[in-house]
PDB file of all heavy atoms in Angstrom:
ATOM      1  N   ILE A   1       9.337  -2.869  19.310  1.00  0.00           N
ATOM      2  CA  ILE A   1      10.416  -1.931  19.051  1.00  0.00           C
ATOM      3  C   ILE A   1      11.120  -2.368  17.773  1.00  0.00           C
ATOM      4  O   ILE A   1      11.461  -3.529  17.617  1.00  0.00           O
ATOM      5  CB  ILE A   1      11.431  -1.899  20.218  1.00  0.00           C
ATOM      6  CG1 ILE A   1      10.746  -1.441  21.525  1.00  0.00           C
ATOM      7  CG2 ILE A   1      12.608  -0.971  19.874  1.00  0.00           C
ATOM      8  CD1 ILE A   1      11.670  -1.414  22.711  1.00  0.00           C
ATOM      9  N   GLU A   2      11.314  -1.410  16.878  1.00  0.00           N
ATOM     10  CA  GLU A   2      12.009  -1.728  15.628  1.00  0.00           C
ATOM     11  C   GLU A   2      12.940  -0.590  15.253  1.00  0.00           C
ATOM     12  O   GLU A   2      12.714   0.574  15.588  1.00  0.00           O
ATOM     13  CB  GLU A   2      11.013  -1.977  14.487  1.00  0.00           C
ATOM     14  CG  GLU A   2      10.079  -0.803  14.206  1.00  0.00           C
ATOM     15  CD  GLU A   2       9.113  -1.110  13.107  1.00  0.00           C
ATOM     16  OE1 GLU A   2       9.579  -1.398  11.985  1.00  0.00           O
ATOM     17  OE2 GLU A   2       7.894  -1.046  13.373  1.00  0.00           O
ATOM     18  N   GLU A   3      14.008  -0.929  14.548  1.00  0.00           N
ATOM     19  CA  GLU A   3      14.958   0.077  14.091  1.00  0.00           C
ATOM     20  C   GLU A   3      14.396   0.781  12.845  1.00  0.00           C
ATOM     21  O   GLU A   3      13.813   0.114  11.967  1.00  0.00           O
ATOM     22  CB  GLU A   3      16.305  -0.576  13.771  1.00  0.00           C
ATOM     23  CG  GLU A   3      17.408   0.415  13.495  1.00  0.00           C
ATOM     24  CD  GLU A   3      18.751  -0.288  13.316  1.00  0.00           C
ATOM     25  OE1 GLU A   3      18.972  -1.355  13.957  1.00  0.00           O
ATOM     26  OE2 GLU A   3      19.583   0.243  12.533  1.00  0.00           O
ATOM     27  N   ILE A   4      14.579   2.087  12.765  1.00  0.00           N
ATOM     28  CA  ILE A   4      14.057   2.852  11.653  1.00  0.00           C
ATOM     29  C   ILE A   4      15.114   3.827  11.141  1.00  0.00           C
ATOM     30  O   ILE A   4      16.160   4.033  11.788  1.00  0.00           O
ATOM     31  CB  ILE A   4      12.779   3.645  12.050  1.00  0.00           C
ATOM     32  CG1 ILE A   4      13.114   4.636  13.175  1.00  0.00           C
ATOM     33  CG2 ILE A   4      11.636   2.716  12.430  1.00  0.00           C
ATOM     34  CD1 ILE A   4      12.006   5.604  13.485  1.00  0.00           C
ATOM     35  N   GLU A   5      14.836   4.398   9.997  1.00  0.00           N
ATOM     36  CA  GLU A   5      15.694   5.447   9.458  1.00  0.00           C
ATOM     37  C   GLU A   5      15.180   6.808   9.930  1.00  0.00           C
ATOM     38  O   GLU A   5      14.013   7.117   9.785  1.00  0.00           O
ATOM     39  CB  GLU A   5      15.680   5.400   7.930  1.00  0.00           C
ATOM     40  CG  GLU A   5      16.334   4.152   7.325  1.00  0.00           C
ATOM     41  CD  GLU A   5      17.835   4.109   7.633  1.00  0.00           C
ATOM     42  OE1 GLU A   5      18.458   5.196   7.673  1.00  0.00           O
ATOM     43  OE2 GLU A   5      18.375   3.001   7.837  1.00  0.00           O
ATOM     44  N   LYS A   6      16.051   7.606  10.547  1.00  0.00           N
ATOM     45  CA  LYS A   6      15.663   8.939  11.033  1.00  0.00           C
ATOM     46  C   LYS A   6      16.894   9.829  10.984  1.00  0.00           C
ATOM     47  O   LYS A   6      17.899   9.539  11.616  1.00  0.00           O
ATOM     48  CB  LYS A   6      15.111   8.863  12.467  1.00  0.00           C
ATOM     49  CG  LYS A   6      14.500  10.156  12.990  1.00  0.00           C
ATOM     50  CD  LYS A   6      13.907   9.933  14.391  1.00  0.00           C
ATOM     51  CE  LYS A   6      13.122  11.112  14.888  1.00  0.00           C
ATOM     52  NZ  LYS A   6      13.918  12.320  15.064  1.00  0.00           N
ATOM     53  N   GLU A   7      16.833  10.877  10.222  1.00  0.00           N
ATOM     54  CA  GLU A   7      17.998  11.731  10.018  1.00  0.00           C
ATOM     55  C   GLU A   7      18.329  12.593  11.237  1.00  0.00           C
ATOM     56  O   GLU A   7      19.487  12.668  11.665  1.00  0.00           O
ATOM     57  CB  GLU A   7      17.767  12.637   8.794  1.00  0.00           C
ATOM     58  CG  GLU A   7      17.727  11.887   7.479  1.00  0.00           C
ATOM     59  CD  GLU A   7      17.670  12.848   6.307  1.00  0.00           C
ATOM     60  OE1 GLU A   7      17.796  14.071   6.528  1.00  0.00           O
ATOM     61  OE2 GLU A   7      17.469  12.343   5.167  1.00  0.00           O
ATOM     62  N   ASN A   8      17.326  13.243  11.796  1.00  0.00           N
ATOM     63  CA  ASN A   8      17.584  14.198  12.877  1.00  0.00           C
ATOM     64  C   ASN A   8      17.435  13.551  14.259  1.00  0.00           C
ATOM     65  O   ASN A   8      16.633  12.640  14.470  1.00  0.00           O
ATOM     66  CB  ASN A   8      16.619  15.366  12.780  1.00  0.00           C
ATOM     67  CG  ASN A   8      16.760  16.109  11.453  1.00  0.00           C
ATOM     68  OD1 ASN A   8      17.879  16.273  10.949  1.00  0.00           O
ATOM     69  ND2 ASN A   8      15.640  16.529  10.885  1.00  0.00           N
ATOM     70  N   ARG A   9      18.207  14.058  15.182  1.00  0.00           N
ATOM     71  CA  ARG A   9      18.109  13.596  16.566  1.00  0.00           C
ATOM     72  C   ARG A   9      16.802  14.106  17.167  1.00  0.00           C
ATOM     73  O   ARG A   9      16.144  15.008  16.647  1.00  0.00           O
ATOM     74  CB  ARG A   9      19.274  14.112  17.393  1.00  0.00           C
ATOM     75  CG  ARG A   9      19.234  15.626  17.590  1.00  0.00           C
ATOM     76  CD  ARG A   9      20.347  16.096  18.487  1.00  0.00           C
ATOM     77  NE  ARG A   9      20.205  17.529  18.753  1.00  0.00           N
ATOM     78  CZ  ARG A   9      20.999  18.210  19.572  1.00  0.00           C
ATOM     79  NH1 ARG A   9      21.989  17.590  20.183  1.00  0.00           N
ATOM     80  NH2 ARG A   9      20.809  19.504  19.761  1.00  0.00           N
ATOM     81  N   GLY A  10      16.408  13.540  18.318  1.00  0.00           N
ATOM     82  CA  GLY A  10      15.201  13.992  19.005  1.00  0.00           C
ATOM     83  C   GLY A  10      14.124  12.927  19.004  1.00  0.00           C
ATOM     84  O   GLY A  10      14.329  11.804  18.556  1.00  0.00           O
ATOM     85  N   THR A  11      12.949  13.327  19.530  1.00  0.00           N
ATOM     86  CA  THR A  11      11.856  12.378  19.720  1.00  0.00           C
ATOM     87  C   THR A  11      10.558  12.936  19.168  1.00  0.00           C
ATOM     88  O   THR A  11      10.243  14.112  19.365  1.00  0.00           O
ATOM     89  CB  THR A  11      11.674  12.052  21.212  1.00  0.00           C
ATOM     90  OG1 THR A  11      12.872  11.480  21.728  1.00  0.00           O
ATOM     91  CG2 THR A  11      10.523  11.074  21.426  1.00  0.00           C
ATOM     92  N   LYS A  12       9.821  12.103  18.496  1.00  0.00           N
ATOM     93  CA  LYS A  12       8.490  12.469  17.980  1.00  0.00           C
ATOM     94  C   LYS A  12       7.493  11.457  18.527  1.00  0.00           C
ATOM     95  O   LYS A  12       7.679  10.260  18.398  1.00  0.00           O
ATOM     96  CB  LYS A  12       8.497  12.457  16.455  1.00  0.00           C
ATOM     97  CG  LYS A  12       7.127  12.722  15.841  1.00  0.00           C
ATOM     98  CD  LYS A  12       7.184  12.592  14.312  1.00  0.00           C
ATOM     99  CE  LYS A  12       5.807  12.793  13.694  1.00  0.00           C
ATOM    100  NZ  LYS A  12       5.853  12.607  12.213  1.00  0.00           N
ATOM    101  N   ILE A  13       6.426  11.970  19.148  1.00  0.00           N
ATOM    102  CA  ILE A  13       5.368  11.114  19.693  1.00  0.00           C
ATOM    103  C   ILE A  13       4.107  11.338  18.877  1.00  0.00           C
ATOM    104  O   ILE A  13       3.653  12.475  18.715  1.00  0.00           O
ATOM    105  CB  ILE A  13       5.086  11.431  21.167  1.00  0.00           C
ATOM    106  CG1 ILE A  13       6.361  11.272  22.008  1.00  0.00           C
ATOM    107  CG2 ILE A  13       3.969  10.527  21.716  1.00  0.00           C
ATOM    108  CD1 ILE A  13       6.203  11.706  23.454  1.00  0.00           C
ATOM    109  N   SER A  14       3.530  10.287  18.351  1.00  0.00           N
ATOM    110  CA  SER A  14       2.269  10.398  17.597  1.00  0.00           C
ATOM    111  C   SER A  14       1.315   9.334  18.076  1.00  0.00           C
ATOM    112  O   SER A  14       1.727   8.316  18.652  1.00  0.00           O
ATOM    113  CB  SER A  14       2.529  10.249  16.088  1.00  0.00           C
ATOM    114  OG  SER A  14       3.211   9.030  15.811  1.00  0.00           O
ATOM    115  N   PHE A  15       0.025   9.542  17.866  1.00  0.00           N
ATOM    116  CA  PHE A  15      -0.967   8.603  18.373  1.00  0.00           C
ATOM    117  C   PHE A  15      -2.247   8.667  17.574  1.00  0.00           C
ATOM    118  O   PHE A  15      -2.516   9.660  16.887  1.00  0.00           O
ATOM    119  CB  PHE A  15      -1.257   8.847  19.870  1.00  0.00           C
ATOM    120  CG  PHE A  15      -1.395  10.289  20.221  1.00  0.00           C
ATOM    121  CD1 PHE A  15      -2.571  10.961  20.004  1.00  0.00           C
ATOM    122  CD2 PHE A  15      -0.311  10.982  20.758  1.00  0.00           C
ATOM    123  CE1 PHE A  15      -2.700  12.297  20.334  1.00  0.00           C
ATOM    124  CE2 PHE A  15      -0.440  12.312  21.101  1.00  0.00           C
ATOM    125  CZ  PHE A  15      -1.637  12.983  20.881  1.00  0.00           C
ATOM    126  N   LYS A  16      -3.019   7.634  17.677  1.00  0.00           N
ATOM    127  CA  LYS A  16      -4.325   7.543  17.027  1.00  0.00           C
ATOM    128  C   LYS A  16      -5.391   7.681  18.105  1.00  0.00           C
ATOM    129  O   LYS A  16      -5.507   6.844  18.994  1.00  0.00           O
ATOM    130  CB  LYS A  16      -4.495   6.217  16.291  1.00  0.00           C
ATOM    131  CG  LYS A  16      -5.823   6.052  15.582  1.00  0.00           C
ATOM    132  CD  LYS A  16      -5.902   4.687  14.910  1.00  0.00           C
ATOM    133  CE  LYS A  16      -7.274   4.518  14.224  1.00  0.00           C
ATOM    134  NZ  LYS A  16      -7.434   3.172  13.625  1.00  0.00           N
ATOM    135  N   LEU A  17      -6.169   8.769  18.020  1.00  0.00           N
ATOM    136  CA  LEU A  17      -7.197   9.037  19.046  1.00  0.00           C
ATOM    137  C   LEU A  17      -8.374   8.065  18.915  1.00  0.00           C
ATOM    138  O   LEU A  17      -8.734   7.659  17.803  1.00  0.00           O
ATOM    139  CB  LEU A  17      -7.703  10.463  18.930  1.00  0.00           C
ATOM    140  CG  LEU A  17      -6.741  11.578  19.363  1.00  0.00           C
ATOM    141  CD1 LEU A  17      -7.256  12.919  18.912  1.00  0.00           C
ATOM    142  CD2 LEU A  17      -6.553  11.557  20.879  1.00  0.00           C
ATOM    143  N   LYS A  18      -8.972   7.754  20.051  1.00  0.00           N
ATOM    144  CA  LYS A  18     -10.214   6.978  20.041  1.00  0.00           C
ATOM    145  C   LYS A  18     -11.324   7.799  19.393  1.00  0.00           C
ATOM    146  O   LYS A  18     -11.278   9.032  19.416  1.00  0.00           O
ATOM    147  CB  LYS A  18     -10.589   6.592  21.464  1.00  0.00           C
ATOM    148  CG  LYS A  18      -9.620   5.628  22.125  1.00  0.00           C
ATOM    149  CD  LYS A  18     -10.061   5.297  23.564  1.00  0.00           C
ATOM    150  CE  LYS A  18      -9.076   4.335  24.205  1.00  0.00           C
ATOM    151  NZ  LYS A  18      -9.454   3.987  25.595  1.00  0.00           N
ATOM    152  N   ASP A  19     -12.323   7.107  18.862  1.00  0.00           N
ATOM    153  CA  ASP A  19     -13.381   7.822  18.149  1.00  0.00           C
ATOM    154  C   ASP A  19     -14.111   8.843  19.029  1.00  0.00           C
ATOM    155  O   ASP A  19     -14.525   9.894  18.551  1.00  0.00           O
ATOM    156  CB  ASP A  19     -14.406   6.804  17.602  1.00  0.00           C
ATOM    157  CG  ASP A  19     -13.828   5.985  16.450  1.00  0.00           C
ATOM    158  OD1 ASP A  19     -12.848   6.467  15.822  1.00  0.00           O
ATOM    159  OD2 ASP A  19     -14.332   4.878  16.192  1.00  0.00           O
ATOM    160  N   ASP A  20     -14.256   8.529  20.334  1.00  0.00           N
ATOM    161  CA  ASP A  20     -14.998   9.437  21.222  1.00  0.00           C
ATOM    162  C   ASP A  20     -14.072  10.460  21.900  1.00  0.00           C
ATOM    163  O   ASP A  20     -14.484  11.166  22.803  1.00  0.00           O
ATOM    164  CB  ASP A  20     -15.765   8.646  22.277  1.00  0.00           C
ATOM    165  CG  ASP A  20     -14.843   7.800  23.148  1.00  0.00           C
ATOM    166  OD1 ASP A  20     -13.665   7.644  22.793  1.00  0.00           O
ATOM    167  OD2 ASP A  20     -15.314   7.298  24.205  1.00  0.00           O
ATOM    168  N   GLN A  21     -12.818  10.528  21.454  1.00  0.00           N
ATOM    169  CA  GLN A  21     -11.860  11.479  22.045  1.00  0.00           C
ATOM    170  C   GLN A  21     -11.236  12.376  20.975  1.00  0.00           C
ATOM    171  O   GLN A  21     -10.166  12.947  21.186  1.00  0.00           O
ATOM    172  CB  GLN A  21     -10.748  10.720  22.792  1.00  0.00           C
ATOM    173  CG  GLN A  21     -11.230   9.798  23.886  1.00  0.00           C
ATOM    174  CD  GLN A  21     -11.819  10.561  25.064  1.00  0.00           C
ATOM    175  OE1 GLN A  21     -11.568  11.749  25.237  1.00  0.00           O
ATOM    176  NE2 GLN A  21     -12.620   9.861  25.878  1.00  0.00           N
ATOM    177  N   LYS A  22     -11.916  12.536  19.863  1.00  0.00           N
ATOM    178  CA  LYS A  22     -11.350  13.295  18.752  1.00  0.00           C
ATOM    179  C   LYS A  22     -11.178  14.790  19.076  1.00  0.00           C
ATOM    180  O   LYS A  22     -10.455  15.506  18.385  1.00  0.00           O
ATOM    181  CB  LYS A  22     -12.255  13.164  17.525  1.00  0.00           C
ATOM    182  CG  LYS A  22     -12.268  11.751  16.917  1.00  0.00           C
ATOM    183  CD  LYS A  22     -10.888  11.381  16.374  1.00  0.00           C
ATOM    184  CE  LYS A  22     -10.860   9.965  15.801  1.00  0.00           C
ATOM    185  NZ  LYS A  22     -11.744   9.789  14.644  1.00  0.00           N
ATOM    186  N   GLU A  23     -11.827  15.265  20.149  1.00  0.00           N
ATOM    187  CA  GLU A  23     -11.704  16.679  20.497  1.00  0.00           C
ATOM    188  C   GLU A  23     -10.258  17.062  20.827  1.00  0.00           C
ATOM    189  O   GLU A  23      -9.849  18.216  20.702  1.00  0.00           O
ATOM    190  CB  GLU A  23     -12.597  17.025  21.679  1.00  0.00           C
ATOM    191  CG  GLU A  23     -12.221  16.328  22.977  1.00  0.00           C
ATOM    192  CD  GLU A  23     -13.010  16.837  24.174  1.00  0.00           C
ATOM    193  OE1 GLU A  23     -13.555  17.952  24.090  1.00  0.00           O
ATOM    194  OE2 GLU A  23     -13.086  16.108  25.173  1.00  0.00           O
ATOM    195  N   PHE A  24      -9.455  16.055  21.225  1.00  0.00           N
ATOM    196  CA  PHE A  24      -8.061  16.335  21.565  1.00  0.00           C
ATOM    197  C   PHE A  24      -7.192  16.602  20.345  1.00  0.00           C
ATOM    198  O   PHE A  24      -6.002  16.870  20.468  1.00  0.00           O
ATOM    199  CB  PHE A  24      -7.476  15.201  22.403  1.00  0.00           C
ATOM    200  CG  PHE A  24      -8.027  15.161  23.800  1.00  0.00           C
ATOM    201  CD1 PHE A  24      -8.982  14.214  24.148  1.00  0.00           C
ATOM    202  CD2 PHE A  24      -7.592  16.063  24.766  1.00  0.00           C
ATOM    203  CE1 PHE A  24      -9.505  14.185  25.436  1.00  0.00           C
ATOM    204  CE2 PHE A  24      -8.116  16.044  26.043  1.00  0.00           C
ATOM    205  CZ  PHE A  24      -9.062  15.102  26.377  1.00  0.00           C
ATOM    206  N   ALA A  25      -7.791  16.510  19.157  1.00  0.00           N
ATOM    207  CA  ALA A  25      -7.090  16.890  17.934  1.00  0.00           C
ATOM    208  C   ALA A  25      -7.396  18.336  17.540  1.00  0.00           C
ATOM    209  O   ALA A  25      -6.805  18.863  16.602  1.00  0.00           O
ATOM    210  CB  ALA A  25      -7.464  15.947  16.783  1.00  0.00           C
ATOM    211  N   ASP A  26      -8.340  18.961  18.250  1.00  0.00           N
ATOM    212  CA  ASP A  26      -8.723  20.329  17.959  1.00  0.00           C
ATOM    213  C   ASP A  26      -7.729  21.316  18.588  1.00  0.00           C
ATOM    214  O   ASP A  26      -7.313  21.154  19.728  1.00  0.00           O
ATOM    215  CB  ASP A  26     -10.126  20.629  18.484  1.00  0.00           C
ATOM    216  CG  ASP A  26     -11.191  19.788  17.788  1.00  0.00           C
ATOM    217  OD1 ASP A  26     -10.946  19.400  16.623  1.00  0.00           O
ATOM    218  OD2 ASP A  26     -12.241  19.551  18.401  1.00  0.00           O
ATOM    219  N   ASP A  27      -7.398  22.340  17.831  1.00  0.00           N
ATOM    220  CA  ASP A  27      -6.433  23.345  18.302  1.00  0.00           C
ATOM    221  C   ASP A  27      -6.880  23.950  19.635  1.00  0.00           C
ATOM    222  O   ASP A  27      -6.078  24.092  20.568  1.00  0.00           O
ATOM    223  CB  ASP A  27      -6.297  24.461  17.259  1.00  0.00           C
ATOM    224  CG  ASP A  27      -5.424  24.033  16.112  1.00  0.00           C
ATOM    225  OD1 ASP A  27      -5.057  22.847  16.057  1.00  0.00           O
ATOM    226  OD2 ASP A  27      -5.132  24.890  15.235  1.00  0.00           O
ATOM    227  N   TRP A  28      -8.160  24.320  19.745  1.00  0.00           N
ATOM    228  CA  TRP A  28      -8.625  25.022  20.942  1.00  0.00           C
ATOM    229  C   TRP A  28      -8.477  24.176  22.185  1.00  0.00           C
ATOM    230  O   TRP A  28      -8.158  24.677  23.272  1.00  0.00           O
ATOM    231  CB  TRP A  28     -10.096  25.446  20.774  1.00  0.00           C
ATOM    232  CG  TRP A  28     -11.054  24.300  20.769  1.00  0.00           C
ATOM    233  CD1 TRP A  28     -11.515  23.599  19.703  1.00  0.00           C
ATOM    234  CD2 TRP A  28     -11.661  23.700  21.919  1.00  0.00           C
ATOM    235  NE1 TRP A  28     -12.373  22.601  20.083  1.00  0.00           N
ATOM    236  CE2 TRP A  28     -12.492  22.640  21.458  1.00  0.00           C
ATOM    237  CE3 TRP A  28     -11.620  23.938  23.303  1.00  0.00           C
ATOM    238  CZ2 TRP A  28     -13.244  21.823  22.295  1.00  0.00           C
ATOM    239  CZ3 TRP A  28     -12.361  23.136  24.160  1.00  0.00           C
ATOM    240  CH2 TRP A  28     -13.167  22.089  23.657  1.00  0.00           C
ATOM    241  N   LYS A  29      -8.676  22.843  22.028  1.00  0.00           N
ATOM    242  CA  LYS A  29      -8.567  21.949  23.176  1.00  0.00           C
ATOM    243  C   LYS A  29      -7.124  21.827  23.635  1.00  0.00           C
ATOM    244  O   LYS A  29      -6.816  21.909  24.826  1.00  0.00           O
ATOM    245  CB  LYS A  29      -9.117  20.568  22.805  1.00  0.00           C
ATOM    246  CG  LYS A  29      -9.176  19.589  23.984  1.00  0.00           C
ATOM    247  CD  LYS A  29     -10.146  20.033  25.044  1.00  0.00           C
ATOM    248  CE  LYS A  29     -10.294  19.005  26.150  1.00  0.00           C
ATOM    249  NZ  LYS A  29     -11.260  19.431  27.177  1.00  0.00           N
ATOM    250  N   VAL A  30      -6.224  21.649  22.684  1.00  0.00           N
ATOM    251  CA  VAL A  30      -4.801  21.521  23.007  1.00  0.00           C
ATOM    252  C   VAL A  30      -4.291  22.821  23.639  1.00  0.00           C
ATOM    253  O   VAL A  30      -3.571  22.794  24.641  1.00  0.00           O
ATOM    254  CB  VAL A  30      -3.977  21.179  21.752  1.00  0.00           C
ATOM    255  CG1 VAL A  30      -2.492  21.097  22.094  1.00  0.00           C
ATOM    256  CG2 VAL A  30      -4.459  19.860  21.166  1.00  0.00           C
ATOM    257  N   LYS A  31      -4.686  23.943  23.058  1.00  0.00           N
ATOM    258  CA  LYS A  31      -4.249  25.235  23.590  1.00  0.00           C
ATOM    259  C   LYS A  31      -4.746  25.451  25.018  1.00  0.00           C
ATOM    260  O   LYS A  31      -4.019  25.956  25.872  1.00  0.00           O
ATOM    261  CB  LYS A  31      -4.743  26.368  22.686  1.00  0.00           C
ATOM    262  CG  LYS A  31      -4.059  26.430  21.352  1.00  0.00           C
ATOM    263  CD  LYS A  31      -4.658  27.538  20.483  1.00  0.00           C
ATOM    264  CE  LYS A  31      -4.038  27.565  19.098  1.00  0.00           C
ATOM    265  NZ  LYS A  31      -4.678  28.589  18.231  1.00  0.00           N
ATOM    266  N   SER A  32      -6.004  25.096  25.279  1.00  0.00           N
ATOM    267  CA  SER A  32      -6.573  25.291  26.614  1.00  0.00           C
ATOM    268  C   SER A  32      -5.836  24.453  27.642  1.00  0.00           C
ATOM    269  O   SER A  32      -5.601  24.903  28.771  1.00  0.00           O
ATOM    270  CB  SER A  32      -8.061  24.963  26.632  1.00  0.00           C
ATOM    271  OG  SER A  32      -8.284  23.576  26.418  1.00  0.00           O
TER     272      SER A  32
END
């Protein structure tokens, strides 16, 4: 955990997908 600069309130979640799970970056998969 580290302190950062962030202007707006709220939460952003980001992640690095495993090589064999890249389909979860596709629009159609997320939409489904």
